[in-house]
Each structure stands twice: as structure tokens, then as C-alpha cells.
């Protein structure tokens, strides 16, 4: 006797854990929980094309955001400027190895891997190149999605500028603009991605093969 329940036929509300039968929605439609009003499922419009474009733009902006100077500081007649990569080198030079590793991991490495992940997933769906390994790849991306902290580094830049503006002359360089657009692209590439649809299609195509 088979006692297993096919959980792919149900959807749980993330806010109140109410369980519903999974509905087949069209693009632009969403289903809400009757109990708390939370969104159960949302079918995003043209998400493959949008995710592909946002992630591609993010990959293009990656090097300028990392290597170009973010801002310049004039103090006592001396002008200094630093990029995101320079900040990590300064931390290493002053012996803050752990902080340097964390900044590199969460402000550079994870966002890059995340953008590459969205680009690869959207590319496979866009050009119909689905394969079994994509299921494992998407599982890894799903766990990594919440570890990118570009917004935290951006907040640190804003706080630093606020503290320095009264004592020094600050200049905004192209690196800061590239970093802002990189942050936007990284965020939007993940936001517009319809993960429910991808899970559903990959499960239908390859979940039985893994079992």
C-alpha cells in the first residue's frame, strides 16, 4: 500500500500555513489565501525574458561596479579614491582578514554566482535547453538566493558618506553609479523570476528520473 502524499498537488500559505489545492494560473494571475490574504501563487508576466535581460545587464555591470572608484575623498589637500575591490585590499592590509573575507563573499562572490545562476536558468528556459542537472542547479540557487548582501554594503557606503561629508570633500565617481545599477539588476533579476513555475516545470520533467 502506498502511503505517500503527492505534495505537488497542494500549496501552503507562507504566512498562516493554510493548505490549498494547487491552481493552474495564467500569466499575470495570482491566488490569495482566504484566511490571511497572503499571496499563494503568482504567475509573472514574461518572466523568462525579463530575468534573462536583468541578469545579463547585471553581468555587464559587474566589473565596473567592482573595479571603478566608488567615491573620492579630499582631506588636507590630498585626494584619495577607492573601489569596492580596493576596500577589500585595505581591510587585508590592515589585518582585518575575516571582515575582508566576509565583504568579498557577500558583496562580490555571492551576487556574481546569483546573477550567473539566474542567467543560466533563464537561458535554459528561453532557448529550451532543459536537462536533468538543471533541477539540482536550481535547488542550489534557491538556497543561495537570500545570501547576497549588496544592499547592506550600499547602506554602509551611504552611512560613510553621511559621516564624512562635514569634514571632507566628497566626490561621487562612476563606480558608485555602476554599483547602484548592479544592485538594481541583481535584485530585479531575482524578483521577476517565477520560481513556482520553474519548480513545477522541472519537477514534471525530471523529478521522476531522480526518484
N, C-alpha and C. Protein backbone atom coordinates (compact mmCIF):
# COMPACT_ATOMS: atom_id res chain seq x y z
N UNK A 1 0.85 -1.20 0.00
CA UNK A 1 0.00 0.00 0.00
C UNK A 1 0.88 1.24 0.00
N UNK A 2 0.60 2.18 -0.88
CA UNK A 2 1.41 3.40 -0.99
C UNK A 2 0.80 4.50 -0.12
N UNK A 3 1.51 4.90 0.93
CA UNK A 3 1.00 5.92 1.85
C UNK A 3 1.55 7.31 1.56
N UNK A 4 2.31 7.46 0.49
CA UNK A 4 2.91 8.75 0.17
C UNK A 4 1.86 9.71 -0.39
N UNK A 5 1.97 10.97 0.00
CA UNK A 5 1.07 12.00 -0.49
C UNK A 5 1.82 12.84 -1.53
N UNK A 6 1.20 13.06 -2.66
CA UNK A 6 1.81 13.88 -3.71
C UNK A 6 1.68 15.35 -3.33
N UNK A 7 2.73 15.91 -2.71
CA UNK A 7 2.68 17.29 -2.22
C UNK A 7 2.67 18.30 -3.35
N UNK A 8 2.99 17.88 -4.57
CA UNK A 8 2.99 18.82 -5.69
C UNK A 8 1.58 19.25 -6.06
N UNK A 9 0.53 18.56 -5.50
CA UNK A 9 -0.85 18.91 -5.80
C UNK A 9 -1.39 19.97 -4.85
N UNK A 10 -0.60 20.38 -3.85
CA UNK A 10 -1.06 21.33 -2.86
C UNK A 10 -0.08 22.51 -2.76
N UNK A 11 -0.58 23.60 -2.20
CA UNK A 11 0.26 24.76 -1.95
C UNK A 11 -0.08 25.30 -0.56
N UNK A 12 0.96 25.65 0.20
CA UNK A 12 0.77 26.16 1.57
C UNK A 12 1.02 27.65 1.61
N UNK A 13 0.21 28.35 2.39
CA UNK A 13 0.40 29.78 2.57
C UNK A 13 1.65 30.01 3.42
N UNK A 14 2.50 30.91 3.00
CA UNK A 14 3.74 31.17 3.71
C UNK A 14 3.51 31.94 5.01
N UNK A 15 2.34 32.56 5.16
CA UNK A 15 2.09 33.37 6.35
C UNK A 15 1.32 32.62 7.43
N UNK A 16 0.32 31.83 7.03
CA UNK A 16 -0.50 31.16 8.05
C UNK A 16 -0.51 29.64 7.91
N UNK A 17 0.22 29.10 6.92
CA UNK A 17 0.35 27.65 6.71
C UNK A 17 -0.95 26.96 6.30
N UNK A 18 -1.92 27.71 5.85
CA UNK A 18 -3.14 27.08 5.33
C UNK A 18 -2.81 26.32 4.04
N UNK A 19 -3.46 25.16 3.86
CA UNK A 19 -3.15 24.29 2.72
C UNK A 19 -4.29 24.33 1.71
N UNK A 20 -3.93 24.50 0.43
CA UNK A 20 -4.93 24.58 -0.63
C UNK A 20 -4.53 23.68 -1.79
N UNK A 21 -5.51 23.32 -2.59
CA UNK A 21 -5.23 22.64 -3.84
C UNK A 21 -4.51 23.62 -4.78
N UNK A 22 -3.50 23.13 -5.46
CA UNK A 22 -2.75 23.99 -6.38
C UNK A 22 -3.59 24.28 -7.62
N UNK A 23 -3.63 25.57 -7.98
CA UNK A 23 -4.40 26.00 -9.14
C UNK A 23 -3.48 26.21 -10.34
N UNK A 24 -4.03 26.03 -11.52
CA UNK A 24 -3.31 26.33 -12.75
C UNK A 24 -3.65 27.75 -13.18
N UNK A 25 -2.69 28.64 -13.07
CA UNK A 25 -2.92 30.05 -13.36
C UNK A 25 -2.29 30.44 -14.68
N UNK A 26 -2.83 31.50 -15.27
CA UNK A 26 -2.26 32.08 -16.48
C UNK A 26 -1.33 33.22 -16.09
N UNK A 27 -0.53 33.68 -17.05
CA UNK A 27 0.40 34.78 -16.78
C UNK A 27 -0.37 36.02 -16.31
N UNK A 28 0.14 36.64 -15.25
CA UNK A 28 -0.48 37.84 -14.71
C UNK A 28 -1.51 37.56 -13.63
N UNK A 29 -1.88 36.30 -13.41
CA UNK A 29 -2.86 35.94 -12.39
C UNK A 29 -2.16 35.57 -11.09
N UNK A 30 -2.88 35.73 -9.97
CA UNK A 30 -2.36 35.30 -8.68
C UNK A 30 -3.48 34.74 -7.83
N UNK A 31 -3.12 33.87 -6.91
CA UNK A 31 -4.07 33.27 -5.98
C UNK A 31 -3.72 33.71 -4.56
N UNK A 32 -4.75 34.11 -3.79
CA UNK A 32 -4.54 34.59 -2.43
C UNK A 32 -5.18 33.66 -1.41
N UNK A 33 -4.61 33.68 -0.22
CA UNK A 33 -5.12 32.86 0.87
C UNK A 33 -6.44 33.44 1.39
N UNK A 34 -7.44 32.57 1.57
CA UNK A 34 -8.73 33.02 2.09
C UNK A 34 -8.65 33.42 3.56
N UNK A 35 -7.68 32.86 4.28
CA UNK A 35 -7.58 33.11 5.71
C UNK A 35 -6.90 34.43 6.03
N UNK A 36 -5.71 34.67 5.44
CA UNK A 36 -4.92 35.86 5.80
C UNK A 36 -4.71 36.83 4.64
N UNK A 37 -5.08 36.43 3.44
CA UNK A 37 -4.92 37.33 2.30
C UNK A 37 -3.54 37.31 1.67
N UNK A 38 -2.64 36.44 2.16
CA UNK A 38 -1.31 36.36 1.59
C UNK A 38 -1.33 35.72 0.20
N UNK A 39 -0.30 36.04 -0.60
CA UNK A 39 -0.22 35.52 -1.95
C UNK A 39 0.27 34.07 -1.91
N UNK A 40 -0.50 33.17 -2.49
CA UNK A 40 -0.13 31.76 -2.56
C UNK A 40 0.75 31.49 -3.77
N UNK A 41 0.25 31.84 -4.94
CA UNK A 41 0.95 31.63 -6.20
C UNK A 41 0.74 32.86 -7.07
N UNK A 42 1.77 33.26 -7.76
CA UNK A 42 1.66 34.36 -8.72
C UNK A 42 2.37 33.96 -10.00
N UNK A 43 1.67 34.04 -11.11
CA UNK A 43 2.27 33.77 -12.41
C UNK A 43 2.74 35.09 -13.01
N UNK A 44 4.04 35.27 -13.04
CA UNK A 44 4.61 36.53 -13.50
C UNK A 44 4.63 36.59 -15.03
N UNK A 45 4.47 37.80 -15.54
CA UNK A 45 4.35 38.01 -16.98
C UNK A 45 5.74 38.04 -17.62
N UNK A 46 5.94 37.21 -18.65
CA UNK A 46 7.16 37.21 -19.46
C UNK A 46 8.42 37.17 -18.58
N UNK A 47 8.40 36.35 -17.54
CA UNK A 47 9.50 36.37 -16.57
C UNK A 47 10.80 35.83 -17.14
N UNK A 48 10.73 34.92 -18.11
CA UNK A 48 11.97 34.36 -18.66
C UNK A 48 12.77 35.44 -19.38
N UNK A 49 12.10 36.19 -20.25
CA UNK A 49 12.78 37.25 -20.99
C UNK A 49 13.29 38.34 -20.05
N UNK A 50 12.48 38.72 -19.06
CA UNK A 50 12.87 39.78 -18.13
C UNK A 50 14.03 39.35 -17.24
N UNK A 51 13.98 38.11 -16.74
CA UNK A 51 15.09 37.62 -15.91
C UNK A 51 16.38 37.53 -16.72
N UNK A 52 16.26 37.07 -17.95
CA UNK A 52 17.43 36.98 -18.83
C UNK A 52 18.05 38.35 -19.05
N UNK A 53 17.23 39.35 -19.33
CA UNK A 53 17.74 40.70 -19.60
C UNK A 53 18.34 41.36 -18.36
N UNK A 54 17.66 41.22 -17.22
CA UNK A 54 18.18 41.81 -15.98
C UNK A 54 19.49 41.17 -15.56
N UNK A 55 19.58 39.86 -15.65
CA UNK A 55 20.81 39.18 -15.25
C UNK A 55 21.95 39.49 -16.22
N UNK A 56 21.65 39.59 -17.50
CA UNK A 56 22.68 39.95 -18.48
C UNK A 56 23.20 41.35 -18.22
N UNK A 57 22.29 42.28 -17.93
CA UNK A 57 22.72 43.65 -17.60
C UNK A 57 23.57 43.67 -16.33
N UNK A 58 23.19 42.85 -15.35
CA UNK A 58 23.98 42.78 -14.12
C UNK A 58 25.37 42.24 -14.35
N UNK A 59 25.50 41.24 -15.21
CA UNK A 59 26.82 40.68 -15.52
C UNK A 59 27.69 41.69 -16.26
N UNK A 60 27.07 42.51 -17.12
CA UNK A 60 27.82 43.54 -17.83
C UNK A 60 28.33 44.61 -16.87
N UNK A 61 27.50 44.95 -15.87
CA UNK A 61 27.88 45.99 -14.90
C UNK A 61 28.80 45.48 -13.80
N UNK A 62 29.03 44.19 -13.75
CA UNK A 62 29.78 43.58 -12.65
C UNK A 62 31.18 44.18 -12.50
N UNK A 63 31.97 44.15 -13.57
CA UNK A 63 33.35 44.65 -13.48
C UNK A 63 33.42 46.14 -13.18
N UNK A 64 32.63 47.01 -13.86
CA UNK A 64 32.66 48.43 -13.47
C UNK A 64 32.29 48.67 -12.01
N UNK A 65 31.30 47.92 -11.51
CA UNK A 65 30.87 48.11 -10.12
C UNK A 65 31.95 47.70 -9.13
N UNK A 66 32.75 46.70 -9.48
CA UNK A 66 33.77 46.20 -8.57
C UNK A 66 35.08 46.97 -8.67
N UNK A 67 35.45 47.37 -9.88
CA UNK A 67 36.79 47.91 -10.12
C UNK A 67 36.85 49.43 -10.21
N UNK A 68 35.76 50.09 -10.61
CA UNK A 68 35.80 51.55 -10.72
C UNK A 68 35.70 52.19 -9.34
N UNK A 69 36.35 53.36 -9.15
CA UNK A 69 36.27 54.05 -7.86
C UNK A 69 34.83 54.41 -7.50
N UNK A 70 34.47 54.14 -6.25
CA UNK A 70 33.11 54.43 -5.79
C UNK A 70 32.97 55.90 -5.43
N UNK A 71 33.91 56.42 -4.66
CA UNK A 71 33.88 57.83 -4.31
C UNK A 71 35.29 58.31 -4.00
N UNK A 72 35.46 59.61 -4.11
CA UNK A 72 36.76 60.23 -3.81
C UNK A 72 36.66 61.12 -2.58
N UNK A 73 37.74 61.18 -1.82
CA UNK A 73 37.78 61.97 -0.59
C UNK A 73 38.97 62.91 -0.64
N UNK A 74 38.71 64.20 -0.41
CA UNK A 74 39.79 65.20 -0.34
C UNK A 74 39.94 65.65 1.10
N UNK A 75 41.11 65.40 1.68
CA UNK A 75 41.38 65.74 3.08
C UNK A 75 42.79 66.26 3.20
N UNK A 76 42.93 67.46 3.77
CA UNK A 76 44.24 68.11 3.95
C UNK A 76 44.99 68.24 2.63
N UNK A 77 44.23 68.55 1.61
CA UNK A 77 44.84 68.77 0.31
C UNK A 77 45.17 67.50 -0.45
N UNK A 78 44.91 66.36 0.12
CA UNK A 78 45.20 65.09 -0.56
C UNK A 78 43.89 64.43 -1.00
N UNK A 79 43.95 63.89 -2.21
CA UNK A 79 42.76 63.25 -2.80
C UNK A 79 42.97 61.75 -2.89
N UNK A 80 42.03 61.01 -2.36
CA UNK A 80 42.07 59.54 -2.42
C UNK A 80 40.73 59.02 -2.91
N UNK A 81 40.79 57.94 -3.67
CA UNK A 81 39.57 57.29 -4.13
C UNK A 81 39.74 55.78 -4.02
N UNK A 82 38.61 55.10 -3.90
CA UNK A 82 38.68 53.65 -3.69
C UNK A 82 37.49 52.98 -4.36
N UNK A 83 37.76 51.80 -4.87
CA UNK A 83 36.72 50.96 -5.45
C UNK A 83 36.30 49.90 -4.43
N UNK A 84 35.31 49.11 -4.79
CA UNK A 84 34.89 48.02 -3.92
C UNK A 84 36.03 47.03 -3.70
N UNK A 85 36.77 46.74 -4.74
CA UNK A 85 37.91 45.83 -4.62
C UNK A 85 39.01 46.44 -3.76
N UNK A 86 39.23 47.77 -3.89
CA UNK A 86 40.23 48.46 -3.07
C UNK A 86 39.88 48.37 -1.59
N UNK A 87 38.59 48.43 -1.28
CA UNK A 87 38.16 48.34 0.13
C UNK A 87 38.58 47.01 0.74
N UNK A 88 38.45 45.96 -0.03
CA UNK A 88 38.85 44.63 0.45
C UNK A 88 40.36 44.57 0.65
N UNK A 89 41.12 45.15 -0.28
CA UNK A 89 42.58 45.15 -0.16
C UNK A 89 43.03 45.95 1.06
N UNK A 90 42.35 47.05 1.35
CA UNK A 90 42.68 47.86 2.53
C UNK A 90 42.42 47.07 3.81
N UNK A 91 41.30 46.37 3.86
CA UNK A 91 40.99 45.56 5.03
C UNK A 91 42.04 44.48 5.24
N UNK A 92 42.49 43.85 4.17
CA UNK A 92 43.54 42.83 4.27
C UNK A 92 44.85 43.46 4.74
N UNK A 93 45.18 44.63 4.19
CA UNK A 93 46.42 45.30 4.55
C UNK A 93 46.47 45.69 6.02
N UNK A 94 45.30 45.99 6.59
CA UNK A 94 45.24 46.40 8.00
C UNK A 94 44.97 45.23 8.94
N UNK A 95 44.94 44.04 8.40
CA UNK A 95 44.84 42.86 9.24
C UNK A 95 43.44 42.38 9.54
N UNK A 96 42.44 42.98 8.90
CA UNK A 96 41.05 42.55 9.13
C UNK A 96 40.68 41.47 8.11
N UNK A 97 41.32 40.31 8.26
CA UNK A 97 41.16 39.26 7.26
C UNK A 97 39.74 38.69 7.25
N UNK A 98 39.16 38.50 8.42
CA UNK A 98 37.81 37.94 8.48
C UNK A 98 36.79 38.87 7.84
N UNK A 99 36.89 40.16 8.16
CA UNK A 99 35.96 41.14 7.58
C UNK A 99 36.14 41.22 6.07
N UNK A 100 37.41 41.18 5.63
CA UNK A 100 37.69 41.22 4.19
C UNK A 100 37.07 40.02 3.48
N UNK A 101 37.17 38.84 4.10
CA UNK A 101 36.58 37.64 3.52
C UNK A 101 35.06 37.73 3.45
N UNK A 102 34.46 38.27 4.50
CA UNK A 102 33.00 38.41 4.52
C UNK A 102 32.52 39.40 3.48
N UNK A 103 33.23 40.54 3.35
CA UNK A 103 32.87 41.53 2.34
C UNK A 103 32.98 40.94 0.93
N UNK A 104 34.09 40.22 0.70
CA UNK A 104 34.27 39.59 -0.61
C UNK A 104 33.18 38.56 -0.88
N UNK A 105 32.85 37.78 0.14
CA UNK A 105 31.87 36.71 -0.04
C UNK A 105 30.48 37.27 -0.33
N UNK A 106 30.01 38.20 0.53
CA UNK A 106 28.62 38.65 0.44
C UNK A 106 28.41 39.82 -0.51
N UNK A 107 29.47 40.60 -0.80
CA UNK A 107 29.32 41.76 -1.67
C UNK A 107 29.81 41.50 -3.09
N UNK A 108 30.57 40.42 -3.29
CA UNK A 108 31.10 40.15 -4.63
C UNK A 108 30.77 38.72 -5.08
N UNK A 109 31.25 37.73 -4.33
CA UNK A 109 31.16 36.34 -4.78
C UNK A 109 29.71 35.86 -4.91
N UNK A 110 28.92 36.01 -3.84
CA UNK A 110 27.55 35.52 -3.87
C UNK A 110 26.69 36.25 -4.90
N UNK A 111 26.76 37.61 -4.99
CA UNK A 111 25.99 38.28 -6.04
C UNK A 111 26.35 37.84 -7.45
N UNK A 112 27.65 37.59 -7.68
CA UNK A 112 28.06 37.13 -9.02
C UNK A 112 27.49 35.75 -9.31
N UNK A 113 27.63 34.83 -8.35
CA UNK A 113 27.10 33.47 -8.54
C UNK A 113 25.59 33.52 -8.71
N UNK A 114 24.94 34.40 -7.97
CA UNK A 114 23.49 34.53 -8.07
C UNK A 114 23.07 35.04 -9.45
N UNK A 115 23.77 36.04 -9.98
CA UNK A 115 23.47 36.56 -11.31
C UNK A 115 23.73 35.51 -12.38
N UNK A 116 24.85 34.81 -12.24
CA UNK A 116 25.17 33.74 -13.19
C UNK A 116 24.09 32.66 -13.14
N UNK A 117 23.60 32.36 -11.93
CA UNK A 117 22.55 31.36 -11.77
C UNK A 117 21.27 31.76 -12.48
N UNK A 118 20.83 33.00 -12.27
CA UNK A 118 19.60 33.46 -12.93
C UNK A 118 19.78 33.48 -14.45
N UNK A 119 20.96 33.93 -14.88
CA UNK A 119 21.23 33.98 -16.32
C UNK A 119 21.17 32.58 -16.93
N UNK A 120 21.79 31.62 -16.26
CA UNK A 120 21.83 30.25 -16.78
C UNK A 120 20.43 29.63 -16.80
N UNK A 121 19.67 29.83 -15.72
CA UNK A 121 18.33 29.26 -15.65
C UNK A 121 17.42 29.86 -16.71
N UNK A 122 17.43 31.20 -16.82
CA UNK A 122 16.58 31.86 -17.81
C UNK A 122 17.04 31.53 -19.23
N UNK A 123 18.34 31.37 -19.42
CA UNK A 123 18.87 30.99 -20.74
C UNK A 123 18.36 29.60 -21.14
N UNK A 124 18.39 28.66 -20.20
CA UNK A 124 17.93 27.30 -20.50
C UNK A 124 16.45 27.27 -20.85
N UNK A 125 15.63 28.06 -20.15
CA UNK A 125 14.21 28.11 -20.45
C UNK A 125 13.93 28.89 -21.73
N UNK A 126 14.69 29.94 -21.94
CA UNK A 126 14.49 30.80 -23.11
C UNK A 126 14.76 30.03 -24.41
N UNK A 127 15.82 29.22 -24.40
CA UNK A 127 16.22 28.50 -25.61
C UNK A 127 15.90 27.01 -25.53
N UNK A 128 15.04 26.64 -24.56
CA UNK A 128 14.55 25.26 -24.43
C UNK A 128 15.71 24.26 -24.35
N UNK A 129 16.62 24.51 -23.43
CA UNK A 129 17.77 23.63 -23.23
C UNK A 129 17.71 23.00 -21.84
N UNK A 130 16.56 22.48 -21.49
CA UNK A 130 16.37 21.88 -20.17
C UNK A 130 17.06 20.52 -20.11
N UNK A 131 17.71 20.25 -18.98
CA UNK A 131 18.37 18.97 -18.76
C UNK A 131 18.30 18.61 -17.28
N UNK A 132 18.46 17.35 -16.93
CA UNK A 132 18.28 16.92 -15.53
C UNK A 132 19.14 17.67 -14.53
N UNK A 133 20.36 18.05 -14.91
CA UNK A 133 21.24 18.74 -13.98
C UNK A 133 20.69 20.10 -13.56
N UNK A 134 19.77 20.66 -14.36
CA UNK A 134 19.21 21.97 -14.05
C UNK A 134 18.37 21.93 -12.78
N UNK A 135 17.77 20.79 -12.47
CA UNK A 135 16.97 20.65 -11.25
C UNK A 135 17.85 20.81 -10.02
N UNK A 136 18.99 20.13 -9.98
CA UNK A 136 19.92 20.27 -8.86
C UNK A 136 20.51 21.68 -8.81
N UNK A 137 20.78 22.24 -9.97
CA UNK A 137 21.33 23.59 -10.03
C UNK A 137 20.34 24.61 -9.44
N UNK A 138 19.06 24.46 -9.78
CA UNK A 138 18.06 25.40 -9.28
C UNK A 138 17.84 25.24 -7.78
N UNK A 139 17.97 24.02 -7.28
CA UNK A 139 17.88 23.82 -5.83
C UNK A 139 18.99 24.58 -5.11
N UNK A 140 20.21 24.51 -5.67
CA UNK A 140 21.34 25.23 -5.07
C UNK A 140 21.12 26.73 -5.13
N UNK A 141 20.61 27.21 -6.28
CA UNK A 141 20.33 28.64 -6.41
C UNK A 141 19.28 29.09 -5.40
N UNK A 142 18.27 28.26 -5.20
CA UNK A 142 17.19 28.60 -4.28
C UNK A 142 17.72 28.84 -2.87
N UNK A 143 18.69 28.04 -2.43
CA UNK A 143 19.27 28.22 -1.09
C UNK A 143 20.21 29.42 -1.05
N UNK A 144 20.82 29.75 -2.19
CA UNK A 144 21.78 30.85 -2.24
C UNK A 144 21.11 32.21 -2.38
N UNK A 145 19.86 32.22 -2.79
CA UNK A 145 19.20 33.45 -3.19
C UNK A 145 19.15 34.50 -2.08
N UNK A 146 19.10 34.08 -0.83
CA UNK A 146 18.96 35.03 0.28
C UNK A 146 20.30 35.47 0.88
N UNK A 147 21.42 35.04 0.29
CA UNK A 147 22.72 35.34 0.88
C UNK A 147 23.43 36.53 0.24
N UNK A 148 22.88 37.09 -0.82
CA UNK A 148 23.50 38.26 -1.44
C UNK A 148 23.20 39.49 -0.59
N UNK A 149 24.22 40.28 -0.26
CA UNK A 149 24.05 41.41 0.65
C UNK A 149 24.60 42.70 0.05
N UNK A 150 24.35 42.92 -1.24
CA UNK A 150 24.76 44.17 -1.86
C UNK A 150 24.06 45.36 -1.21
N UNK A 151 22.81 45.17 -0.79
CA UNK A 151 22.07 46.26 -0.16
C UNK A 151 22.70 46.68 1.16
N UNK A 152 23.28 45.71 1.89
CA UNK A 152 23.95 46.04 3.16
C UNK A 152 25.20 46.86 2.90
N UNK A 153 25.97 46.49 1.87
CA UNK A 153 27.17 47.26 1.54
C UNK A 153 26.79 48.65 1.05
N UNK A 154 25.69 48.74 0.29
CA UNK A 154 25.22 50.05 -0.17
C UNK A 154 24.85 50.94 1.02
N UNK A 155 24.22 50.36 2.02
CA UNK A 155 23.87 51.11 3.22
C UNK A 155 25.14 51.59 3.93
N UNK A 156 26.18 50.76 3.97
CA UNK A 156 27.45 51.14 4.59
C UNK A 156 28.08 52.32 3.85
N UNK A 157 27.97 52.32 2.52
CA UNK A 157 28.50 53.44 1.73
C UNK A 157 27.76 54.73 2.06
N UNK A 158 26.43 54.66 2.13
CA UNK A 158 25.63 55.85 2.44
C UNK A 158 25.96 56.39 3.83
N UNK A 159 26.08 55.49 4.81
CA UNK A 159 26.43 55.91 6.18
C UNK A 159 27.81 56.55 6.21
N UNK A 160 28.76 55.98 5.50
CA UNK A 160 30.12 56.53 5.44
C UNK A 160 30.11 57.92 4.82
N UNK A 161 29.37 58.09 3.74
CA UNK A 161 29.29 59.40 3.09
C UNK A 161 28.66 60.43 4.02
N UNK A 162 27.64 60.02 4.77
CA UNK A 162 26.97 60.93 5.70
C UNK A 162 27.92 61.39 6.80
N UNK A 163 28.76 60.48 7.29
CA UNK A 163 29.68 60.82 8.37
C UNK A 163 30.86 61.66 7.89
N UNK A 164 31.26 61.47 6.64
CA UNK A 164 32.44 62.17 6.13
C UNK A 164 32.14 63.52 5.50
N UNK A 165 30.90 63.77 5.17
CA UNK A 165 30.57 64.93 4.36
C UNK A 165 30.85 66.25 5.07
N UNK A 166 30.81 66.28 6.41
CA UNK A 166 31.06 67.52 7.15
C UNK A 166 32.54 67.82 7.30
N UNK A 167 33.39 66.81 7.23
CA UNK A 167 34.81 67.01 7.49
C UNK A 167 35.67 66.97 6.23
N UNK A 168 35.14 66.46 5.15
CA UNK A 168 35.93 66.30 3.92
C UNK A 168 35.11 66.70 2.71
N UNK A 169 35.79 66.78 1.58
CA UNK A 169 35.11 67.00 0.31
C UNK A 169 34.94 65.64 -0.38
N UNK A 170 33.70 65.30 -0.66
CA UNK A 170 33.40 64.02 -1.28
C UNK A 170 33.01 64.21 -2.74
N UNK A 171 33.43 63.29 -3.55
CA UNK A 171 33.03 63.27 -4.95
C UNK A 171 32.52 61.89 -5.31
N UNK A 172 31.40 61.87 -6.00
CA UNK A 172 30.80 60.60 -6.42
C UNK A 172 31.39 60.22 -7.77
N UNK A 173 31.91 59.02 -7.86
CA UNK A 173 32.54 58.55 -9.09
C UNK A 173 31.64 57.54 -9.81
N UNK A 174 32.08 57.14 -10.99
CA UNK A 174 31.28 56.23 -11.81
C UNK A 174 31.08 54.87 -11.15
N UNK A 175 32.02 54.50 -10.28
CA UNK A 175 31.90 53.21 -9.60
C UNK A 175 30.65 53.12 -8.75
N UNK A 176 30.25 54.24 -8.12
CA UNK A 176 29.05 54.23 -7.29
C UNK A 176 27.80 54.07 -8.15
N UNK A 177 27.76 54.77 -9.28
CA UNK A 177 26.62 54.62 -10.18
C UNK A 177 26.54 53.19 -10.72
N UNK A 178 27.69 52.63 -11.10
CA UNK A 178 27.71 51.25 -11.59
C UNK A 178 27.27 50.29 -10.49
N UNK A 179 27.70 50.56 -9.24
CA UNK A 179 27.31 49.70 -8.12
C UNK A 179 25.81 49.77 -7.87
N UNK A 180 25.22 50.96 -7.96
CA UNK A 180 23.78 51.11 -7.75
C UNK A 180 23.00 50.35 -8.81
N UNK A 181 23.41 50.50 -10.06
CA UNK A 181 22.72 49.80 -11.14
C UNK A 181 22.94 48.28 -11.04
N UNK A 182 24.11 47.88 -10.56
CA UNK A 182 24.39 46.46 -10.35
C UNK A 182 23.48 45.90 -9.26
N UNK A 183 23.30 46.68 -8.19
CA UNK A 183 22.39 46.27 -7.12
C UNK A 183 20.97 46.14 -7.64
N UNK A 184 20.53 47.09 -8.46
CA UNK A 184 19.18 47.04 -9.03
C UNK A 184 19.01 45.82 -9.92
N UNK A 185 19.99 45.57 -10.79
CA UNK A 185 19.91 44.42 -11.70
C UNK A 185 19.91 43.10 -10.94
N UNK A 186 20.76 43.01 -9.92
CA UNK A 186 20.82 41.79 -9.12
C UNK A 186 19.50 41.53 -8.41
N UNK A 187 18.89 42.59 -7.87
CA UNK A 187 17.62 42.44 -7.16
C UNK A 187 16.49 42.09 -8.11
N UNK A 188 16.41 42.84 -9.22
CA UNK A 188 15.31 42.64 -10.16
C UNK A 188 15.38 41.28 -10.86
N UNK A 189 16.58 40.80 -11.15
CA UNK A 189 16.70 39.51 -11.81
C UNK A 189 16.12 38.39 -10.95
N UNK A 190 16.22 38.55 -9.63
CA UNK A 190 15.65 37.57 -8.71
C UNK A 190 14.16 37.79 -8.47
N UNK A 191 13.75 39.07 -8.42
CA UNK A 191 12.35 39.40 -8.14
C UNK A 191 11.43 38.95 -9.27
N UNK A 192 11.85 39.16 -10.52
CA UNK A 192 10.97 38.85 -11.65
C UNK A 192 10.97 37.36 -11.99
N UNK A 193 11.89 36.60 -11.40
CA UNK A 193 11.96 35.17 -11.69
C UNK A 193 10.78 34.45 -11.04
N UNK A 194 10.04 33.70 -11.83
CA UNK A 194 8.88 32.95 -11.32
C UNK A 194 9.35 31.58 -10.85
N UNK A 195 9.73 31.50 -9.58
CA UNK A 195 10.30 30.26 -9.06
C UNK A 195 9.27 29.13 -8.98
N UNK A 196 8.01 29.47 -8.71
CA UNK A 196 6.98 28.44 -8.66
C UNK A 196 6.82 27.74 -10.01
N UNK A 197 6.83 28.52 -11.08
CA UNK A 197 6.69 27.96 -12.42
C UNK A 197 7.89 27.08 -12.75
N UNK A 198 9.10 27.55 -12.39
CA UNK A 198 10.31 26.78 -12.69
C UNK A 198 10.31 25.46 -11.92
N UNK A 199 9.96 25.50 -10.62
CA UNK A 199 9.88 24.27 -9.84
C UNK A 199 8.90 23.29 -10.49
N UNK A 200 7.76 23.83 -10.90
CA UNK A 200 6.72 22.98 -11.47
C UNK A 200 7.20 22.31 -12.76
N UNK A 201 7.79 23.07 -13.66
CA UNK A 201 8.25 22.52 -14.93
C UNK A 201 9.41 21.53 -14.74
N UNK A 202 10.34 21.85 -13.86
CA UNK A 202 11.47 20.95 -13.63
C UNK A 202 11.03 19.67 -12.94
N UNK A 203 10.09 19.79 -12.00
CA UNK A 203 9.57 18.59 -11.34
C UNK A 203 8.86 17.68 -12.34
N UNK A 204 8.06 18.28 -13.21
CA UNK A 204 7.35 17.49 -14.21
C UNK A 204 8.31 16.77 -15.15
N UNK A 205 9.43 17.45 -15.47
CA UNK A 205 10.34 16.90 -16.46
C UNK A 205 11.33 15.92 -15.88
N UNK A 206 11.84 16.18 -14.64
CA UNK A 206 12.99 15.42 -14.17
C UNK A 206 12.85 14.80 -12.79
N UNK A 207 11.83 15.18 -12.01
CA UNK A 207 11.73 14.64 -10.64
C UNK A 207 11.58 13.13 -10.65
N UNK A 208 10.83 12.58 -11.60
CA UNK A 208 10.64 11.14 -11.67
C UNK A 208 11.94 10.43 -12.00
N UNK A 209 12.79 11.09 -12.81
CA UNK A 209 14.08 10.48 -13.16
C UNK A 209 14.96 10.30 -11.93
N UNK A 210 14.91 11.32 -11.00
CA UNK A 210 15.73 11.25 -9.78
C UNK A 210 15.20 10.20 -8.83
N UNK A 211 13.89 10.03 -8.80
CA UNK A 211 13.30 9.01 -7.93
C UNK A 211 13.62 7.63 -8.46
